[in-house]
Amino acid sequence: MASVFEIVRACARSALDFALPPRCAGCGTIVPDVHSFCPDCWKEVEFLGDRGCTCCGLPLEATEQSHCARCLARPPRVARSRAAVAYDDLSRSLAIRLKYGRKVAIARTMAHYMAPLVAADAEAVLVPVPLHRTRLWSRGFNQSALVARELSRRLNIAADPLVLQRTRRTPPLKGMSPLQRRKTVAGAFRVADKSAVAGKTVVLVDDVLTTGSTAEACARVLKRAGAARVEVVSWARVVKPSQLMR
């Protein structure tokens, strides 16, 4: 039999849904469920899921190979990268609204679709890609830390937003080539507490994954600090090279 508390909570939820009905994360149209998309927006979203290269997650078209040629030729420090959706106008708009529009509830929507991509490992630790302190002060929050917190709540995996730090401010990577990106972020991170990651699987959390240069720079210092394995999970990832220049 349901307790009085459960009945009251259900009634309160129904009243809230009536007053503030769920809306499409893309266009704001009223939808049946929280964190969902309307039919029109749903057709625009390219969900990546767990398919693609076993290592980097890039889609593999018309092949039975488990790894892409790039990962076979030069295995990355990040053992496994996964993203919920492909980077496009819609997924980009959600990332921008979270990052610059302060629509923090979008972090819950992102985590909703990212959670199935994180392996169930109670000993793992979720670590958001950090912002430099000056950027954190100006923005007021780290969008990746918000997503990591939501993932932690959903998956019951610890999140540590302070263990990885950005030691110097780097310019925006937009418009840079992959080589320029690698040089820009090289040496820009440090691990504040090695004991927090030693022997563990560290799951880096980010909103958008482009070339993976930032993730690789983070993985370098995490592995040096003793992390047994580094993985990445993001909301969106670039799968078309032309989008790197946007």
Protein backbone atom coordinates (compact mmCIF):
# COMPACT_ATOMS: atom_id res chain seq x y z
CA MET A 1 0.00 0.00 0.00
CA ALA A 2 1.33 3.41 -0.91
CA SER A 3 2.36 5.61 1.98
CA VAL A 4 0.81 9.00 2.61
CA PHE A 5 4.06 10.63 1.54
CA GLU A 6 4.06 8.78 -1.80
CA ILE A 7 0.43 9.78 -2.44
CA VAL A 8 1.14 13.43 -1.63
CA ARG A 9 4.24 13.40 -3.83
CA ALA A 10 2.30 11.90 -6.74
CA CYS A 11 -0.43 14.51 -6.37
CA ALA A 12 2.15 17.30 -6.22
CA ARG A 13 3.86 15.98 -9.34
CA SER A 14 0.55 15.84 -11.21
CA ALA A 15 -0.28 19.40 -10.18
CA LEU A 16 3.17 20.59 -11.27
CA ASP A 17 2.88 18.80 -14.63
CA PHE A 18 -0.47 20.47 -15.18
CA ALA A 19 0.86 23.93 -14.32
CA LEU A 20 4.25 23.46 -16.02
CA PRO A 21 3.87 20.74 -18.68
CA PRO A 22 7.00 19.13 -20.13
CA ARG A 23 8.33 20.86 -23.23
CA CYS A 24 10.44 19.73 -26.12
CA ALA A 25 14.13 20.24 -25.38
CA GLY A 26 14.60 21.49 -28.92
CA CYS A 27 11.76 23.87 -29.73
CA GLY A 28 9.72 24.23 -26.52
CA THR A 29 6.55 22.55 -27.79
CA ILE A 30 4.55 20.72 -25.09
CA VAL A 31 5.41 17.00 -25.08
CA PRO A 32 4.15 14.00 -23.07
CA ASP A 33 7.37 13.27 -21.17
CA VAL A 34 10.15 15.24 -19.50
CA HIS A 35 13.49 15.40 -21.38
CA SER A 36 11.92 14.29 -24.66
CA PHE A 37 11.64 15.85 -28.10
CA CYS A 38 8.61 16.60 -30.23
CA PRO A 39 8.19 14.45 -33.39
CA ASP A 40 9.68 17.15 -35.65
CA CYS A 41 12.78 17.67 -33.50
CA TRP A 42 13.14 13.94 -32.87
CA LYS A 43 13.54 13.38 -36.62
CA GLU A 44 16.41 15.90 -36.66
CA VAL A 45 18.41 14.26 -33.86
CA GLU A 46 20.98 11.66 -34.87
CA PHE A 47 21.42 9.41 -31.87
CA LEU A 48 24.83 7.73 -31.86
CA GLY A 49 24.39 5.33 -28.97
CA ASP A 50 27.00 2.63 -28.44
CA ARG A 51 27.70 1.87 -32.07
CA GLY A 52 30.75 2.93 -34.05
CA CYS A 53 34.47 2.44 -33.39
CA THR A 54 34.95 0.49 -30.18
CA CYS A 55 37.53 3.02 -29.06
CA CYS A 56 36.67 6.52 -30.30
CA GLY A 57 33.00 5.95 -31.12
CA LEU A 58 33.08 7.50 -34.60
CA PRO A 59 30.49 5.93 -36.90
CA LEU A 60 31.86 3.15 -39.11
CA GLU A 61 30.02 3.03 -42.41
CA ALA A 62 29.78 -0.10 -44.56
CA THR A 63 32.38 -2.08 -42.64
CA GLU A 64 32.50 -4.92 -40.16
CA GLN A 65 35.62 -3.57 -38.46
CA SER A 66 35.37 -2.81 -34.74
CA HIS A 67 38.05 -0.09 -34.78
CA CYS A 68 38.57 2.82 -37.13
CA ALA A 69 41.86 3.16 -39.04
CA ARG A 70 42.97 6.13 -36.93
CA CYS A 71 42.63 4.25 -33.62
CA LEU A 72 44.37 1.20 -35.06
CA ALA A 73 47.29 3.29 -36.31
CA ARG A 74 47.62 5.41 -33.18
CA PRO A 75 45.64 4.18 -30.17
CA PRO A 76 44.46 7.17 -28.11
CA ARG A 77 45.00 7.54 -24.38
CA VAL A 78 41.22 7.65 -23.97
CA ALA A 79 40.16 4.00 -23.97
CA ARG A 80 36.54 4.61 -24.88
CA SER A 81 34.64 7.67 -26.14
CA ARG A 82 30.88 7.83 -26.49
CA ALA A 83 28.42 10.61 -27.27
CA ALA A 84 24.64 10.62 -27.11
CA VAL A 85 24.06 12.49 -30.38
CA ALA A 86 25.87 13.80 -33.43
CA TYR A 87 26.76 17.48 -33.43
CA ASP A 88 24.28 19.43 -35.56
CA ASP A 89 22.21 22.59 -35.34
CA LEU A 90 19.78 21.16 -32.76
CA SER A 91 22.32 19.53 -30.45
CA ARG A 92 24.51 22.63 -30.76
CA SER A 93 21.60 24.86 -29.72
CA LEU A 94 21.11 22.85 -26.52
CA ALA A 95 24.80 23.13 -25.65
CA ILE A 96 24.77 26.89 -26.26
CA ARG A 97 21.61 27.43 -24.21
CA LEU A 98 23.16 25.56 -21.31
CA LYS A 99 26.57 27.19 -21.56
CA TYR A 100 25.64 30.79 -22.33
CA GLY A 101 21.88 30.99 -21.80
CA ARG A 102 22.05 29.61 -18.26
CA LYS A 103 19.30 27.08 -18.99
CA VAL A 104 20.70 24.71 -16.38
CA ALA A 105 17.77 22.28 -16.63
CA ILE A 106 19.19 21.23 -20.02
CA ALA A 107 21.95 19.44 -18.10
CA ARG A 108 19.32 16.95 -16.92
CA THR A 109 18.15 16.39 -20.49
CA MET A 110 21.71 15.74 -21.65
CA ALA A 111 22.36 13.35 -18.76
CA HIS A 112 19.15 11.48 -19.56
CA TYR A 113 20.55 10.44 -22.96
CA MET A 114 24.17 10.11 -21.86
CA ALA A 115 23.56 7.83 -18.87
CA PRO A 116 23.05 4.60 -20.89
CA LEU A 117 26.51 5.10 -22.41
CA VAL A 118 28.33 4.94 -19.06
CA ALA A 119 29.25 1.46 -17.89
CA ALA A 120 27.97 0.44 -14.47
CA ASP A 121 31.10 0.64 -12.32
CA ALA A 122 30.67 1.66 -8.71
CA GLU A 123 34.43 2.21 -8.41
CA ALA A 124 34.57 4.67 -11.32
CA VAL A 125 34.60 8.43 -10.86
CA LEU A 126 32.93 11.03 -13.07
CA VAL A 127 35.23 13.98 -13.73
CA PRO A 128 34.00 17.03 -15.69
CA VAL A 129 36.38 18.69 -18.12
CA PRO A 130 37.36 21.78 -16.09
CA LEU A 131 37.16 25.46 -16.90
CA HIS A 132 39.90 27.89 -15.99
CA ARG A 133 39.03 29.81 -12.83
CA THR A 134 38.65 33.12 -14.68
CA ARG A 135 36.14 31.61 -17.10
CA LEU A 136 34.36 29.89 -14.22
CA TRP A 137 34.05 33.19 -12.36
CA SER A 138 32.65 34.99 -15.38
CA ARG A 139 30.20 32.25 -16.33
CA GLY A 140 29.24 31.25 -12.81
CA PHE A 141 29.23 27.49 -13.42
CA ASN A 142 30.86 24.71 -15.38
CA GLN A 143 28.27 23.16 -17.70
CA SER A 144 30.16 19.84 -17.75
CA ALA A 145 30.10 19.74 -13.95
CA LEU A 146 26.31 20.16 -14.00
CA VAL A 147 25.98 17.23 -16.38
CA ALA A 148 28.39 15.12 -14.29
CA ARG A 149 26.32 15.83 -11.18
CA GLU A 150 23.15 14.65 -12.95
CA LEU A 151 24.91 11.52 -14.21
CA SER A 152 26.14 10.82 -10.68
CA ARG A 153 22.61 11.07 -9.35
CA ARG A 154 21.22 8.78 -12.04
CA LEU A 155 23.98 6.16 -12.01
CA ASN A 156 25.03 6.25 -8.35
CA ILE A 157 28.63 6.84 -9.41
CA ALA A 158 30.77 9.37 -7.58
CA ALA A 159 31.51 12.69 -9.29
CA ASP A 160 34.51 14.85 -8.42
CA PRO A 161 34.46 18.32 -10.01
CA LEU A 162 37.68 19.44 -8.34
CA VAL A 163 40.19 16.65 -8.92
CA LEU A 164 41.09 17.85 -12.44
CA GLN A 165 42.10 21.48 -12.84
CA ARG A 166 42.88 23.74 -15.79
CA THR A 167 46.11 25.50 -14.92
CA ARG A 168 46.05 28.13 -17.64
CA ARG A 169 43.38 29.79 -19.70
CA THR A 170 43.32 28.65 -23.31
CA PRO A 171 41.69 30.50 -26.21
CA PRO A 172 38.53 29.08 -27.78
CA LEU A 173 39.38 26.13 -30.02
CA LYS A 174 36.70 26.97 -32.57
CA GLY A 175 38.18 27.26 -36.05
CA MET A 176 41.48 25.60 -35.14
CA SER A 177 42.89 22.58 -36.94
CA PRO A 178 43.35 19.34 -34.96
CA LEU A 179 47.09 20.03 -34.66
CA GLN A 180 46.51 23.58 -33.42
CA ARG A 181 44.03 22.26 -30.86
CA ARG A 182 46.51 19.71 -29.52
CA LYS A 183 49.23 22.35 -29.14
CA THR A 184 46.85 24.81 -27.47
CA VAL A 185 45.68 22.45 -24.71
CA ALA A 186 49.00 20.68 -24.14
CA GLY A 187 50.05 21.10 -20.51
CA ALA A 188 46.90 23.00 -19.57
CA PHE A 189 45.67 20.50 -16.95
CA ARG A 190 46.78 19.03 -13.64
CA VAL A 191 45.43 16.54 -11.11
CA ALA A 192 44.90 18.12 -7.70
CA ASP A 193 44.63 14.87 -5.74
CA LYS A 194 46.26 11.77 -7.22
CA SER A 195 44.69 9.49 -4.63
CA ALA A 196 41.24 10.38 -5.96
CA VAL A 197 41.98 8.76 -9.33
CA ALA A 198 44.73 6.21 -8.61
CA GLY A 199 43.72 2.75 -9.82
CA LYS A 200 40.27 3.91 -10.93
CA THR A 201 38.37 4.26 -14.16
CA VAL A 202 37.90 7.97 -14.77
CA VAL A 203 34.96 8.97 -16.95
CA LEU A 204 35.52 12.45 -18.37
CA VAL A 205 32.28 14.35 -18.89
CA ASP A 206 31.96 17.06 -21.55
CA ASP A 207 29.17 18.76 -23.48
CA VAL A 208 30.66 18.64 -26.99
CA LEU A 209 33.50 16.46 -28.28
CA THR A 210 35.23 17.74 -31.41
CA THR A 211 38.68 16.32 -32.26
CA GLY A 212 39.22 14.86 -28.79
CA SER A 213 42.33 17.01 -28.23
CA THR A 214 41.11 18.32 -24.86
CA ALA A 215 40.12 14.84 -23.72
CA GLU A 216 43.52 13.47 -24.72
CA ALA A 217 45.29 16.24 -22.79
CA CYS A 218 43.18 15.43 -19.73
CA ALA A 219 43.79 11.70 -20.15
CA ARG A 220 47.55 12.28 -20.26
CA VAL A 221 47.69 13.85 -16.79
CA LEU A 222 45.10 11.44 -15.37
CA LYS A 223 47.10 8.41 -16.49
CA ARG A 224 50.28 9.96 -15.10
CA ALA A 225 48.43 10.42 -11.79
CA GLY A 226 47.69 6.70 -11.70
CA ALA A 227 44.25 6.36 -13.31
CA ALA A 228 43.82 2.80 -14.54
CA ARG A 229 41.59 3.77 -17.45
CA VAL A 230 40.15 6.96 -18.93
CA GLU A 231 36.85 7.13 -20.81
CA VAL A 232 34.85 10.02 -22.22
CA VAL A 233 31.11 10.59 -22.41
CA SER A 234 29.63 13.68 -24.02
CA TRP A 235 26.30 15.07 -25.11
CA ALA A 236 27.31 15.62 -28.75
CA ARG A 237 30.29 14.92 -30.93
CA VAL A 238 31.45 16.20 -34.29
CA VAL A 239 31.31 13.47 -36.93
CA LYS A 240 31.73 15.72 -39.99
CA PRO A 241 35.16 17.39 -40.33
CA SER A 242 33.62 20.50 -41.92
CA GLN A 243 31.88 21.27 -38.61
CA LEU A 244 35.22 21.86 -36.86
CA MET A 245 35.42 25.28 -38.46
CA ARG A 246 31.99 26.42 -37.25
